[in-house]
Amino acid sequence: MRGLQRFALAIACIVLGGMPALAQNYPNRPIHFIVGFAAGGPNDIVARILGEWLSNHMGQQWVVENRAGSGGMLAAGFVTTSPPDGYTVMFVAPNNAIGESLYKKLPFNFIRDTVPVAGTLRLANLMIVPPDLPVNNVAEFIAHAKTNPGKLNFASSGNGTSVHMSGELFKLMAGIDIVHVPYRGSSAAYPDLMTGKVHVMFDNLPGSINFAREGKLKALGVTTAQRWPSTPDIPAIAETVKDFEASVWYGISAPKGTPPEIVETLNKAVNAALADPKLAARFAELGAVPMPMSPAEFGKLIADETVKWRKVVEFANISVD
């Protein structure tokens, strides 16, 4: 028995003793950056901009991998079962907080099975409609929807995304009957939105703002409580629907068990990226504001958002099996 105990102790010392060396040599191969939505969408756009900076400054390539499906839950499932070695990390967004209550049969618990690494950006969703829809502001859209109950639909980037839940919250608070149509990422919804097959979407600013600026879609309002700094000419939905608010945030998490030294290395690298004026300017063009955080601060944000959106899911009485 003592021999077995000594053997177990020796193995533990080897494993624990190797962690600092692992962190010192980290990274020594490419890092896989998992995005739960299709290429071309807002999450993907931001991940590739950030990944390019990190690749250039960490000495190893950040490889963006798109694993779209189930509102980002397929990607989350992949990451939670990946080796906790710092070479697989995940692009995190409100869908990861929402999914815990919306999806009833998830094989993982996001908070339990991941470790928070860093916050990255905070932004708004933009309420956008086809150019030929006969409305020009939020009040006119509500009136149009009430005149046509059940005939209008709202697109989203998938069940459980902030894009979906912004629509559900708007539907409830405005007292209208519009039908949810989920897509595999917001980029897949845009052709139908532009041609009027779907009638409205509440997409993240990085994916939607250029379409609005180019006149391909009409912007009616932002989902934040006040007007967003980068789009001061676009009203907040709350100016028409009192107390409406659905802000968006992005960050990075890693599989549970990732060594703290590696988490700290990643956190410092991401915060350095967010402090770069050139990178901040690129994000500002997309309507995003840097959100540097410690791992603990980002973990608290995820926990708080999980509680917030659970209340909305329960109030709206929606679920996905």
C-alpha atoms as a PDB file:
ATOM      1  CA  MET A   1       0.000   0.000   0.000  1.00  0.00           C
ATOM      2  CA  ARG A   2       2.803   2.422   0.920  1.00  0.00           C
ATOM      3  CA  GLY A   3       4.514   1.653  -2.368  1.00  0.00           C
ATOM      4  CA  LEU A   4       1.316   2.478  -4.241  1.00  0.00           C
ATOM      5  CA  GLN A   5       0.952   5.740  -2.308  1.00  0.00           C
ATOM      6  CA  ARG A   6       4.551   6.711  -3.075  1.00  0.00           C
ATOM      7  CA  PHE A   7       3.938   5.955  -6.757  1.00  0.00           C
ATOM      8  CA  ALA A   8       0.788   8.116  -6.818  1.00  0.00           C
ATOM      9  CA  LEU A   9       2.635  10.949  -5.062  1.00  0.00           C
ATOM     10  CA  ALA A  10       5.472  10.747  -7.559  1.00  0.00           C
ATOM     11  CA  ILE A  11       3.051  10.930 -10.496  1.00  0.00           C
ATOM     12  CA  ALA A  12       1.311  13.946  -8.935  1.00  0.00           C
ATOM     13  CA  CYS A  13       4.634  15.715  -8.461  1.00  0.00           C
ATOM     14  CA  ILE A  14       5.576  15.087 -12.074  1.00  0.00           C
ATOM     15  CA  VAL A  15       2.255  16.435 -13.341  1.00  0.00           C
ATOM     16  CA  LEU A  16       2.151  19.469 -11.063  1.00  0.00           C
ATOM     17  CA  GLY A  17       5.829  20.155 -11.483  1.00  0.00           C
ATOM     18  CA  GLY A  18       5.409  20.181 -15.237  1.00  0.00           C
ATOM     19  CA  MET A  19       2.722  22.874 -15.213  1.00  0.00           C
ATOM     20  CA  PRO A  20       5.015  25.899 -14.780  1.00  0.00           C
ATOM     21  CA  ALA A  21       7.290  24.595 -17.537  1.00  0.00           C
ATOM     22  CA  LEU A  22       4.245  24.104 -19.738  1.00  0.00           C
ATOM     23  CA  ALA A  23       3.193  27.697 -19.133  1.00  0.00           C
ATOM     24  CA  GLN A  24       6.726  29.014 -19.720  1.00  0.00           C
ATOM     25  CA  ASN A  25       6.864  27.334 -23.119  1.00  0.00           C
ATOM     26  CA  TYR A  26       3.308  28.321 -24.021  1.00  0.00           C
ATOM     27  CA  PRO A  27       2.341  28.616 -26.794  1.00  0.00           C
ATOM     28  CA  ASN A  28       4.590  26.432 -28.920  1.00  0.00           C
ATOM     29  CA  ARG A  29       2.005  25.408 -31.524  1.00  0.00           C
ATOM     30  CA  PRO A  30      -1.150  26.900 -33.099  1.00  0.00           C
ATOM     31  CA  ILE A  31      -4.106  27.794 -30.903  1.00  0.00           C
ATOM     32  CA  HIS A  32      -7.548  26.773 -32.161  1.00  0.00           C
ATOM     33  CA  PHE A  33     -10.084  29.558 -31.691  1.00  0.00           C
ATOM     34  CA  ILE A  34     -13.565  27.997 -31.838  1.00  0.00           C
ATOM     35  CA  VAL A  35     -16.442  30.173 -33.082  1.00  0.00           C
ATOM     36  CA  GLY A  36     -19.960  28.775 -32.777  1.00  0.00           C
ATOM     37  CA  PHE A  37     -21.346  30.529 -35.873  1.00  0.00           C
ATOM     38  CA  ALA A  38     -20.787  30.563 -39.607  1.00  0.00           C
ATOM     39  CA  ALA A  39     -18.048  32.535 -41.331  1.00  0.00           C
ATOM     40  CA  GLY A  40     -18.990  36.100 -42.190  1.00  0.00           C
ATOM     41  CA  GLY A  41     -21.158  36.728 -39.137  1.00  0.00           C
ATOM     42  CA  PRO A  42     -20.329  39.257 -36.399  1.00  0.00           C
ATOM     43  CA  ASN A  43     -18.736  36.724 -34.045  1.00  0.00           C
ATOM     44  CA  ASP A  44     -16.543  35.438 -36.850  1.00  0.00           C
ATOM     45  CA  ILE A  45     -15.564  38.949 -37.971  1.00  0.00           C
ATOM     46  CA  VAL A  46     -14.411  39.944 -34.482  1.00  0.00           C
ATOM     47  CA  ALA A  47     -12.679  36.610 -33.835  1.00  0.00           C
ATOM     48  CA  ARG A  48     -10.622  36.914 -37.024  1.00  0.00           C
ATOM     49  CA  ILE A  49      -9.577  40.504 -36.299  1.00  0.00           C
ATOM     50  CA  LEU A  50      -8.548  39.600 -32.752  1.00  0.00           C
ATOM     51  CA  GLY A  51      -6.981  36.309 -33.840  1.00  0.00           C
ATOM     52  CA  GLU A  52      -4.818  38.074 -36.407  1.00  0.00           C
ATOM     53  CA  TRP A  53      -3.418  40.437 -33.757  1.00  0.00           C
ATOM     54  CA  LEU A  54      -2.769  37.600 -31.303  1.00  0.00           C
ATOM     55  CA  SER A  55      -1.095  35.520 -34.018  1.00  0.00           C
ATOM     56  CA  ASN A  56       1.291  38.372 -34.779  1.00  0.00           C
ATOM     57  CA  HIS A  57       2.127  39.036 -31.127  1.00  0.00           C
ATOM     58  CA  MET A  58       2.183  35.582 -29.507  1.00  0.00           C
ATOM     59  CA  GLY A  59       4.422  33.859 -32.040  1.00  0.00           C
ATOM     60  CA  GLN A  60       1.855  31.175 -32.896  1.00  0.00           C
ATOM     61  CA  GLN A  61      -1.110  31.167 -35.250  1.00  0.00           C
ATOM     62  CA  TRP A  62      -4.613  31.577 -33.864  1.00  0.00           C
ATOM     63  CA  VAL A  63      -6.668  29.351 -36.158  1.00  0.00           C
ATOM     64  CA  VAL A  64     -10.335  30.358 -36.282  1.00  0.00           C
ATOM     65  CA  GLU A  65     -12.577  27.305 -36.604  1.00  0.00           C
ATOM     66  CA  ASN A  66     -16.294  27.758 -37.305  1.00  0.00           C
ATOM     67  CA  ARG A  67     -18.460  25.074 -35.702  1.00  0.00           C
ATOM     68  CA  ALA A  68     -21.939  26.408 -36.377  1.00  0.00           C
ATOM     69  CA  GLY A  69     -25.164  24.901 -35.102  1.00  0.00           C
ATOM     70  CA  SER A  70     -27.684  24.951 -32.251  1.00  0.00           C
ATOM     71  CA  GLY A  71     -27.060  28.588 -31.389  1.00  0.00           C
ATOM     72  CA  GLY A  72     -23.396  27.955 -30.655  1.00  0.00           C
ATOM     73  CA  MET A  73     -24.044  24.938 -28.437  1.00  0.00           C
ATOM     74  CA  LEU A  74     -22.235  22.536 -30.794  1.00  0.00           C
ATOM     75  CA  ALA A  75     -19.088  24.621 -30.459  1.00  0.00           C
ATOM     76  CA  ALA A  76     -19.466  24.796 -26.684  1.00  0.00           C
ATOM     77  CA  GLY A  77     -19.857  21.029 -26.495  1.00  0.00           C
ATOM     78  CA  PHE A  78     -16.690  20.591 -28.525  1.00  0.00           C
ATOM     79  CA  VAL A  79     -14.673  22.944 -26.329  1.00  0.00           C
ATOM     80  CA  THR A  80     -15.866  21.463 -23.033  1.00  0.00           C
ATOM     81  CA  THR A  81     -14.556  18.059 -24.124  1.00  0.00           C
ATOM     82  CA  SER A  82     -11.270  19.343 -25.568  1.00  0.00           C
ATOM     83  CA  PRO A  83      -7.909  18.878 -23.783  1.00  0.00           C
ATOM     84  CA  PRO A  84      -7.362  21.618 -21.164  1.00  0.00           C
ATOM     85  CA  ASP A  85      -3.948  22.568 -22.496  1.00  0.00           C
ATOM     86  CA  GLY A  86      -4.539  26.102 -23.764  1.00  0.00           C
ATOM     87  CA  TYR A  87      -4.572  25.100 -27.420  1.00  0.00           C
ATOM     88  CA  THR A  88      -8.364  25.100 -27.754  1.00  0.00           C
ATOM     89  CA  VAL A  89     -10.222  28.223 -26.654  1.00  0.00           C
ATOM     90  CA  MET A  90     -13.704  29.493 -27.378  1.00  0.00           C
ATOM     91  CA  PHE A  91     -15.263  32.723 -28.559  1.00  0.00           C
ATOM     92  CA  VAL A  92     -17.920  33.399 -25.910  1.00  0.00           C
ATOM     93  CA  ALA A  93     -21.037  35.547 -26.268  1.00  0.00           C
ATOM     94  CA  PRO A  94     -24.476  35.893 -24.618  1.00  0.00           C
ATOM     95  CA  ASN A  95     -25.681  32.701 -26.322  1.00  0.00           C
ATOM     96  CA  ASN A  96     -23.490  30.749 -23.905  1.00  0.00           C
ATOM     97  CA  ALA A  97     -25.300  32.313 -20.937  1.00  0.00           C
ATOM     98  CA  ILE A  98     -28.714  31.958 -22.579  1.00  0.00           C
ATOM     99  CA  GLY A  99     -28.222  28.344 -23.652  1.00  0.00           C
ATOM    100  CA  GLU A 100     -28.037  27.070 -20.072  1.00  0.00           C
ATOM    101  CA  SER A 101     -31.750  27.705 -19.577  1.00  0.00           C
ATOM    102  CA  LEU A 102     -33.043  27.557 -23.157  1.00  0.00           C
ATOM    103  CA  TYR A 103     -31.673  24.111 -24.101  1.00  0.00           C
ATOM    104  CA  LYS A 104     -33.105  21.423 -21.851  1.00  0.00           C
ATOM    105  CA  LYS A 105     -30.826  18.505 -22.740  1.00  0.00           C
ATOM    106  CA  LEU A 106     -27.310  19.945 -22.924  1.00  0.00           C
ATOM    107  CA  PRO A 107     -24.600  17.383 -22.121  1.00  0.00           C
ATOM    108  CA  PHE A 108     -22.550  20.076 -20.373  1.00  0.00           C
ATOM    109  CA  ASN A 109     -22.871  23.020 -18.008  1.00  0.00           C
ATOM    110  CA  PHE A 110     -20.996  25.957 -19.497  1.00  0.00           C
ATOM    111  CA  ILE A 111     -20.012  27.613 -16.215  1.00  0.00           C
ATOM    112  CA  ARG A 112     -18.976  24.320 -14.607  1.00  0.00           C
ATOM    113  CA  ASP A 113     -17.121  22.902 -17.608  1.00  0.00           C
ATOM    114  CA  THR A 114     -15.140  25.959 -18.757  1.00  0.00           C
ATOM    115  CA  VAL A 115     -12.819  28.533 -17.221  1.00  0.00           C
ATOM    116  CA  PRO A 116     -13.178  32.233 -18.060  1.00  0.00           C
ATOM    117  CA  VAL A 117     -10.122  33.723 -19.753  1.00  0.00           C
ATOM    118  CA  ALA A 118     -10.845  37.305 -20.813  1.00  0.00           C
ATOM    119  CA  GLY A 119     -13.498  39.788 -21.790  1.00  0.00           C
ATOM    120  CA  THR A 120     -13.039  41.387 -25.187  1.00  0.00           C
ATOM    121  CA  LEU A 121     -15.801  43.720 -26.420  1.00  0.00           C
ATOM    122  CA  ARG A 122     -19.152  45.181 -25.502  1.00  0.00           C
ATOM    123  CA  LEU A 123     -21.596  46.245 -28.185  1.00  0.00           C
ATOM    124  CA  ALA A 124     -25.239  46.606 -29.141  1.00  0.00           C
ATOM    125  CA  ASN A 125     -27.602  44.732 -31.386  1.00  0.00           C
ATOM    126  CA  LEU A 126     -29.172  46.686 -34.225  1.00  0.00           C
ATOM    127  CA  MET A 127     -32.829  46.365 -35.231  1.00  0.00           C
ATOM    128  CA  ILE A 128     -32.766  46.194 -39.026  1.00  0.00           C
ATOM    129  CA  VAL A 129     -35.508  45.725 -41.610  1.00  0.00           C
ATOM    130  CA  PRO A 130     -35.688  45.341 -45.431  1.00  0.00           C
ATOM    131  CA  PRO A 131     -35.493  48.619 -47.366  1.00  0.00           C
ATOM    132  CA  ASP A 132     -38.993  48.156 -48.831  1.00  0.00           C
ATOM    133  CA  LEU A 133     -40.768  47.407 -45.533  1.00  0.00           C
ATOM    134  CA  PRO A 134     -43.207  50.339 -45.062  1.00  0.00           C
ATOM    135  CA  VAL A 135     -41.780  51.464 -41.707  1.00  0.00           C
ATOM    136  CA  ASN A 136     -39.089  53.984 -40.790  1.00  0.00           C
ATOM    137  CA  ASN A 137     -38.912  53.778 -37.012  1.00  0.00           C
ATOM    138  CA  VAL A 138     -39.684  51.480 -34.089  1.00  0.00           C
ATOM    139  CA  ALA A 139     -43.153  52.888 -33.468  1.00  0.00           C
ATOM    140  CA  GLU A 140     -44.149  52.376 -37.098  1.00  0.00           C
ATOM    141  CA  PHE A 141     -42.839  48.787 -36.997  1.00  0.00           C
ATOM    142  CA  ILE A 142     -44.928  48.026 -33.913  1.00  0.00           C
ATOM    143  CA  ALA A 143     -48.022  49.510 -35.538  1.00  0.00           C
ATOM    144  CA  HIS A 144     -47.369  47.522 -38.738  1.00  0.00           C
ATOM    145  CA  ALA A 145     -46.946  44.302 -36.736  1.00  0.00           C
ATOM    146  CA  LYS A 146     -50.157  44.907 -34.801  1.00  0.00           C
ATOM    147  CA  THR A 147     -52.005  45.453 -38.076  1.00  0.00           C
ATOM    148  CA  ASN A 148     -50.606  42.153 -39.379  1.00  0.00           C
ATOM    149  CA  PRO A 149     -50.546  39.765 -36.366  1.00  0.00           C
ATOM    150  CA  GLY A 150     -48.638  36.548 -37.011  1.00  0.00           C
ATOM    151  CA  LYS A 151     -47.720  37.609 -40.562  1.00  0.00           C
ATOM    152  CA  LEU A 152     -44.304  39.130 -39.836  1.00  0.00           C
ATOM    153  CA  ASN A 153     -41.267  37.143 -38.778  1.00  0.00           C
ATOM    154  CA  PHE A 154     -37.913  37.895 -37.204  1.00  0.00           C
ATOM    155  CA  ALA A 155     -34.688  36.213 -38.212  1.00  0.00           C
ATOM    156  CA  SER A 156     -31.915  35.223 -35.838  1.00  0.00           C
ATOM    157  CA  SER A 157     -28.473  33.657 -35.920  1.00  0.00           C
ATOM    158  CA  GLY A 158     -29.853  30.615 -34.115  1.00  0.00           C
ATOM    159  CA  ASN A 159     -31.882  29.576 -31.090  1.00  0.00           C
ATOM    160  CA  GLY A 160     -30.562  31.036 -27.867  1.00  0.00           C
ATOM    161  CA  THR A 161     -28.398  33.766 -29.354  1.00  0.00           C
ATOM    162  CA  SER A 162     -28.617  37.377 -28.219  1.00  0.00           C
ATOM    163  CA  VAL A 163     -30.071  38.049 -31.676  1.00  0.00           C
ATOM    164  CA  HIS A 164     -32.903  35.604 -30.958  1.00  0.00           C
ATOM    165  CA  MET A 165     -33.516  36.741 -27.387  1.00  0.00           C
ATOM    166  CA  SER A 166     -33.485  40.435 -28.342  1.00  0.00           C
ATOM    167  CA  GLY A 167     -36.341  39.602 -30.713  1.00  0.00           C
ATOM    168  CA  GLU A 168     -38.225  37.624 -28.069  1.00  0.00           C
ATOM    169  CA  LEU A 169     -37.816  40.430 -25.546  1.00  0.00           C
ATOM    170  CA  PHE A 170     -38.990  43.014 -28.087  1.00  0.00           C
ATOM    171  CA  LYS A 171     -41.979  40.849 -29.007  1.00  0.00           C
ATOM    172  CA  LEU A 172     -43.014  40.592 -25.357  1.00  0.00           C
ATOM    173  CA  MET A 173     -42.433  44.200 -24.376  1.00  0.00           C
ATOM    174  CA  ALA A 174     -44.018  45.659 -27.539  1.00  0.00           C
ATOM    175  CA  GLY A 175     -47.027  43.338 -27.303  1.00  0.00           C
ATOM    176  CA  ILE A 176     -46.795  42.068 -30.875  1.00  0.00           C
ATOM    177  CA  ASP A 177     -47.121  38.674 -32.570  1.00  0.00           C
ATOM    178  CA  ILE A 178     -44.109  37.976 -34.810  1.00  0.00           C
ATOM    179  CA  VAL A 179     -42.663  34.553 -35.658  1.00  0.00           C
ATOM    180  CA  HIS A 180     -39.086  33.492 -34.963  1.00  0.00           C
ATOM    181  CA  VAL A 181     -37.065  32.038 -37.875  1.00  0.00           C
ATOM    182  CA  PRO A 182     -33.621  30.725 -36.797  1.00  0.00           C
ATOM    183  CA  TYR A 183     -30.703  30.496 -39.234  1.00  0.00           C
ATOM    184  CA  ARG A 184     -27.279  28.884 -38.959  1.00  0.00           C
ATOM    185  CA  GLY A 185     -25.594  32.210 -38.249  1.00  0.00           C
ATOM    186  CA  SER A 186     -26.744  35.727 -39.088  1.00  0.00           C
ATOM    187  CA  SER A 187     -24.769  35.806 -42.357  1.00  0.00           C
ATOM    188  CA  ALA A 188     -27.124  33.119 -43.669  1.00  0.00           C
ATOM    189  CA  ALA A 189     -30.157  35.283 -42.840  1.00  0.00           C
ATOM    190  CA  TYR A 190     -29.096  38.438 -44.668  1.00  0.00           C
ATOM    191  CA  PRO A 191     -30.096  37.414 -48.213  1.00  0.00           C
ATOM    192  CA  ASP A 192     -33.637  36.655 -47.010  1.00  0.00           C
ATOM    193  CA  LEU A 193     -33.755  39.840 -44.935  1.00  0.00           C
ATOM    194  CA  MET A 194     -32.658  42.043 -47.819  1.00  0.00           C
ATOM    195  CA  THR A 195     -35.283  40.548 -50.139  1.00  0.00           C
ATOM    196  CA  GLY A 196     -38.093  40.717 -47.584  1.00  0.00           C
ATOM    197  CA  LYS A 197     -38.562  36.988 -47.002  1.00  0.00           C
ATOM    198  CA  VAL A 198     -38.030  37.799 -43.329  1.00  0.00           C
ATOM    199  CA  HIS A 199     -38.972  41.166 -41.925  1.00  0.00           C
ATOM    200  CA  VAL A 200     -36.643  42.122 -39.080  1.00  0.00           C
ATOM    201  CA  MET A 201     -33.479  41.032 -37.275  1.00  0.00           C
ATOM    202  CA  PHE A 202     -31.717  42.260 -34.137  1.00  0.00           C
ATOM    203  CA  ASP A 203     -28.144  41.482 -35.161  1.00  0.00           C
ATOM    204  CA  ASN A 204     -24.830  42.381 -33.517  1.00  0.00           C
ATOM    205  CA  LEU A 205     -23.493  45.706 -34.781  1.00  0.00           C
ATOM    206  CA  PRO A 206     -20.321  44.290 -36.410  1.00  0.00           C
ATOM    207  CA  GLY A 207     -22.427  42.186 -38.762  1.00  0.00           C
ATOM    208  CA  SER A 208     -25.192  44.691 -39.465  1.00  0.00           C
ATOM    209  CA  ILE A 209     -23.864  48.230 -39.434  1.00  0.00           C
ATOM    210  CA  ASN A 210     -22.298  48.197 -42.893  1.00  0.00           C
ATOM    211  CA  PHE A 211     -25.527  46.966 -44.503  1.00  0.00           C
ATOM    212  CA  ALA A 212     -27.329  49.879 -42.853  1.00  0.00           C
ATOM    213  CA  ARG A 213     -24.665  52.378 -43.904  1.00  0.00           C
ATOM    214  CA  GLU A 214     -24.828  51.137 -47.495  1.00  0.00           C
ATOM    215  CA  GLY A 215     -28.636  51.415 -47.607  1.00  0.00           C
ATOM    216  CA  LYS A 216     -29.151  47.693 -48.120  1.00  0.00           C
ATOM    217  CA  LEU A 217     -31.185  47.588 -44.906  1.00  0.00           C
ATOM    218  CA  LYS A 218     -32.889  50.156 -42.694  1.00  0.00           C
ATOM    219  CA  ALA A 219     -31.717  50.602 -39.103  1.00  0.00           C
ATOM    220  CA  LEU A 220     -34.567  51.350 -36.690  1.00  0.00           C
ATOM    221  CA  GLY A 221     -32.928  51.191 -33.286  1.00  0.00           C
ATOM    222  CA  VAL A 222     -30.190  49.817 -31.023  1.00  0.00           C
ATOM    223  CA  THR A 223     -30.948  47.393 -28.208  1.00  0.00           C
ATOM    224  CA  THR A 224     -28.919  49.139 -25.500  1.00  0.00           C
ATOM    225  CA  ALA A 225     -30.647  51.296 -22.877  1.00  0.00           C
ATOM    226  CA  GLN A 226     -29.254  54.476 -24.445  1.00  0.00           C
ATOM    227  CA  ARG A 227     -28.031  55.385 -27.907  1.00  0.00           C
ATOM    228  CA  TRP A 228     -24.768  53.658 -28.747  1.00  0.00           C
ATOM    229  CA  PRO A 229     -21.648  55.903 -28.992  1.00  0.00           C
ATOM    230  CA  SER A 230     -20.671  54.822 -32.514  1.00  0.00           C
ATOM    231  CA  THR A 231     -24.196  55.281 -33.915  1.00  0.00           C
ATOM    232  CA  PRO A 232     -25.591  58.370 -32.149  1.00  0.00           C
ATOM    233  CA  ASP A 233     -28.016  59.046 -34.993  1.00  0.00           C
ATOM    234  CA  ILE A 234     -29.824  55.722 -34.435  1.00  0.00           C
ATOM    235  CA  PRO A 235     -32.383  55.835 -31.597  1.00  0.00           C
ATOM    236  CA  ALA A 236     -32.420  53.341 -28.752  1.00  0.00           C
ATOM    237  CA  ILE A 237     -35.418  51.012 -28.914  1.00  0.00           C
ATOM    238  CA  ALA A 238     -36.000  52.030 -25.287  1.00  0.00           C
ATOM    239  CA  GLU A 239     -36.972  55.499 -26.504  1.00  0.00           C
ATOM    240  CA  THR A 240     -40.153  53.844 -27.824  1.00  0.00           C
ATOM    241  CA  VAL A 241     -40.413  50.643 -25.740  1.00  0.00           C
ATOM    242  CA  LYS A 242     -39.743  51.781 -22.179  1.00  0.00           C
ATOM    243  CA  ASP A 243     -37.010  49.882 -20.284  1.00  0.00           C
ATOM    244  CA  PHE A 244     -36.062  47.681 -23.251  1.00  0.00           C
ATOM    245  CA  GLU A 245     -32.394  46.646 -23.005  1.00  0.00           C
ATOM    246  CA  ALA A 246     -30.269  43.833 -24.407  1.00  0.00           C
ATOM    247  CA  SER A 247     -26.565  44.627 -24.562  1.00  0.00           C
ATOM    248  CA  VAL A 248     -24.038  42.249 -26.112  1.00  0.00           C
ATOM    249  CA  TRP A 249     -20.608  41.167 -24.941  1.00  0.00           C
ATOM    250  CA  TYR A 250     -17.822  38.965 -26.270  1.00  0.00           C
ATOM    251  CA  GLY A 251     -15.041  37.098 -24.502  1.00  0.00           C
ATOM    252  CA  ILE A 252     -12.902  33.973 -24.393  1.00  0.00           C
ATOM    253  CA  SER A 253     -13.140  30.811 -22.284  1.00  0.00           C
ATOM    254  CA  ALA A 254     -11.155  27.566 -22.193  1.00  0.00           C
ATOM    255  CA  PRO A 255     -11.886  23.985 -21.107  1.00  0.00           C
ATOM    256  CA  LYS A 256     -12.118  23.314 -17.377  1.00  0.00           C
ATOM    257  CA  GLY A 257      -8.733  22.340 -15.976  1.00  0.00           C
ATOM    258  CA  THR A 258      -6.687  24.669 -18.165  1.00  0.00           C
ATOM    259  CA  PRO A 259      -3.669  25.622 -15.991  1.00  0.00           C
ATOM    260  CA  PRO A 260      -3.997  29.041 -14.304  1.00  0.00           C
ATOM    261  CA  GLU A 261      -0.611  30.084 -15.682  1.00  0.00           C
ATOM    262  CA  ILE A 262      -1.870  29.577 -19.237  1.00  0.00           C
ATOM    263  CA  VAL A 263      -5.128  31.396 -18.479  1.00  0.00           C
ATOM    264  CA  GLU A 264      -3.089  34.330 -17.168  1.00  0.00           C
ATOM    265  CA  THR A 265      -0.863  34.322 -20.257  1.00  0.00           C
ATOM    266  CA  LEU A 266      -3.902  34.420 -22.517  1.00  0.00           C
ATOM    267  CA  ASN A 267      -5.589  37.115 -20.434  1.00  0.00           C
ATOM    268  CA  LYS A 268      -2.549  39.397 -20.604  1.00  0.00           C
ATOM    269  CA  ALA A 269      -2.265  38.891 -24.375  1.00  0.00           C
ATOM    270  CA  VAL A 270      -5.946  39.698 -24.975  1.00  0.00           C
ATOM    271  CA  ASN A 271      -5.839  42.781 -22.738  1.00  0.00           C
ATOM    272  CA  ALA A 272      -2.730  43.962 -24.595  1.00  0.00           C
ATOM    273  CA  ALA A 273      -4.621  43.577 -27.860  1.00  0.00           C
ATOM    274  CA  LEU A 274      -7.551  45.614 -26.544  1.00  0.00           C
ATOM    275  CA  ALA A 275      -5.128  48.374 -25.466  1.00  0.00           C
ATOM    276  CA  ASP A 276      -3.679  48.662 -28.988  1.00  0.00           C
ATOM    277  CA  PRO A 277      -5.015  51.940 -30.477  1.00  0.00           C
ATOM    278  CA  LYS A 278      -5.009  50.571 -34.031  1.00  0.00           C
ATOM    279  CA  LEU A 279      -7.026  47.507 -33.053  1.00  0.00           C
ATOM    280  CA  ALA A 280      -9.392  49.611 -30.940  1.00  0.00           C
ATOM    281  CA  ALA A 281      -9.978  51.827 -33.989  1.00  0.00           C
ATOM    282  CA  ARG A 282     -10.880  48.780 -36.105  1.00  0.00           C
ATOM    283  CA  PHE A 283     -13.365  47.630 -33.488  1.00  0.00           C
ATOM    284  CA  ALA A 284     -14.790  51.146 -33.200  1.00  0.00           C
ATOM    285  CA  GLU A 285     -15.579  51.038 -36.926  1.00  0.00           C
ATOM    286  CA  LEU A 286     -17.734  47.989 -36.161  1.00  0.00           C
ATOM    287  CA  GLY A 287     -19.454  49.756 -33.277  1.00  0.00           C
ATOM    288  CA  ALA A 288     -17.676  47.809 -30.536  1.00  0.00           C
ATOM    289  CA  VAL A 289     -16.090  49.099 -27.316  1.00  0.00           C
ATOM    290  CA  PRO A 290     -13.090  47.273 -25.729  1.00  0.00           C
ATOM    291  CA  MET A 291     -14.000  45.395 -22.525  1.00  0.00           C
ATOM    292  CA  PRO A 292     -10.754  44.306 -20.816  1.00  0.00           C
ATOM    293  CA  MET A 293     -11.371  42.092 -17.791  1.00  0.00           C
ATOM    294  CA  SER A 294      -9.589  39.726 -15.448  1.00  0.00           C
ATOM    295  CA  PRO A 295     -10.648  36.074 -15.665  1.00  0.00           C
ATOM    296  CA  ALA A 296     -12.632  36.498 -12.434  1.00  0.00           C
ATOM    297  CA  GLU A 297     -14.434  39.586 -13.742  1.00  0.00           C
ATOM    298  CA  PHE A 298     -15.367  37.828 -16.964  1.00  0.00           C
ATOM    299  CA  GLY A 299     -16.575  34.801 -14.999  1.00  0.00           C
ATOM    300  CA  LYS A 300     -18.858  37.043 -12.939  1.00  0.00           C
ATOM    301  CA  LEU A 301     -20.259  38.604 -16.123  1.00  0.00           C
ATOM    302  CA  ILE A 302     -21.126  35.168 -17.518  1.00  0.00           C
ATOM    303  CA  ALA A 303     -22.777  34.156 -14.228  1.00  0.00           C
ATOM    304  CA  ASP A 304     -24.799  37.384 -13.988  1.00  0.00           C
ATOM    305  CA  GLU A 305     -25.944  37.131 -17.615  1.00  0.00           C
ATOM    306  CA  THR A 306     -26.952  33.497 -17.107  1.00  0.00           C
ATOM    307  CA  VAL A 307     -29.295  34.582 -14.310  1.00  0.00           C
ATOM    308  CA  LYS A 308     -30.666  37.526 -16.302  1.00  0.00           C
ATOM    309  CA  TRP A 309     -31.522  35.553 -19.427  1.00  0.00           C
ATOM    310  CA  ARG A 310     -32.985  32.634 -17.482  1.00  0.00           C
ATOM    311  CA  LYS A 311     -35.689  35.036 -16.303  1.00  0.00           C
ATOM    312  CA  VAL A 312     -36.438  36.076 -19.896  1.00  0.00           C
ATOM    313  CA  VAL A 313     -36.538  32.454 -21.127  1.00  0.00           C
ATOM    314  CA  GLU A 314     -38.939  31.500 -18.338  1.00  0.00           C
ATOM    315  CA  PHE A 315     -41.125  34.576 -18.826  1.00  0.00           C
ATOM    316  CA  ALA A 316     -41.321  33.998 -22.593  1.00  0.00           C
ATOM    317  CA  ASN A 317     -41.961  30.276 -21.952  1.00  0.00           C
ATOM    318  CA  ILE A 318     -39.589  29.152 -24.696  1.00  0.00           C
ATOM    319  CA  SER A 319     -37.279  26.144 -24.814  1.00  0.00           C
ATOM    320  CA  VAL A 320     -35.318  23.990 -27.245  1.00  0.00           C
ATOM    321  CA  ASP A 321     -35.047  20.219 -26.781  1.00  0.00           C
END
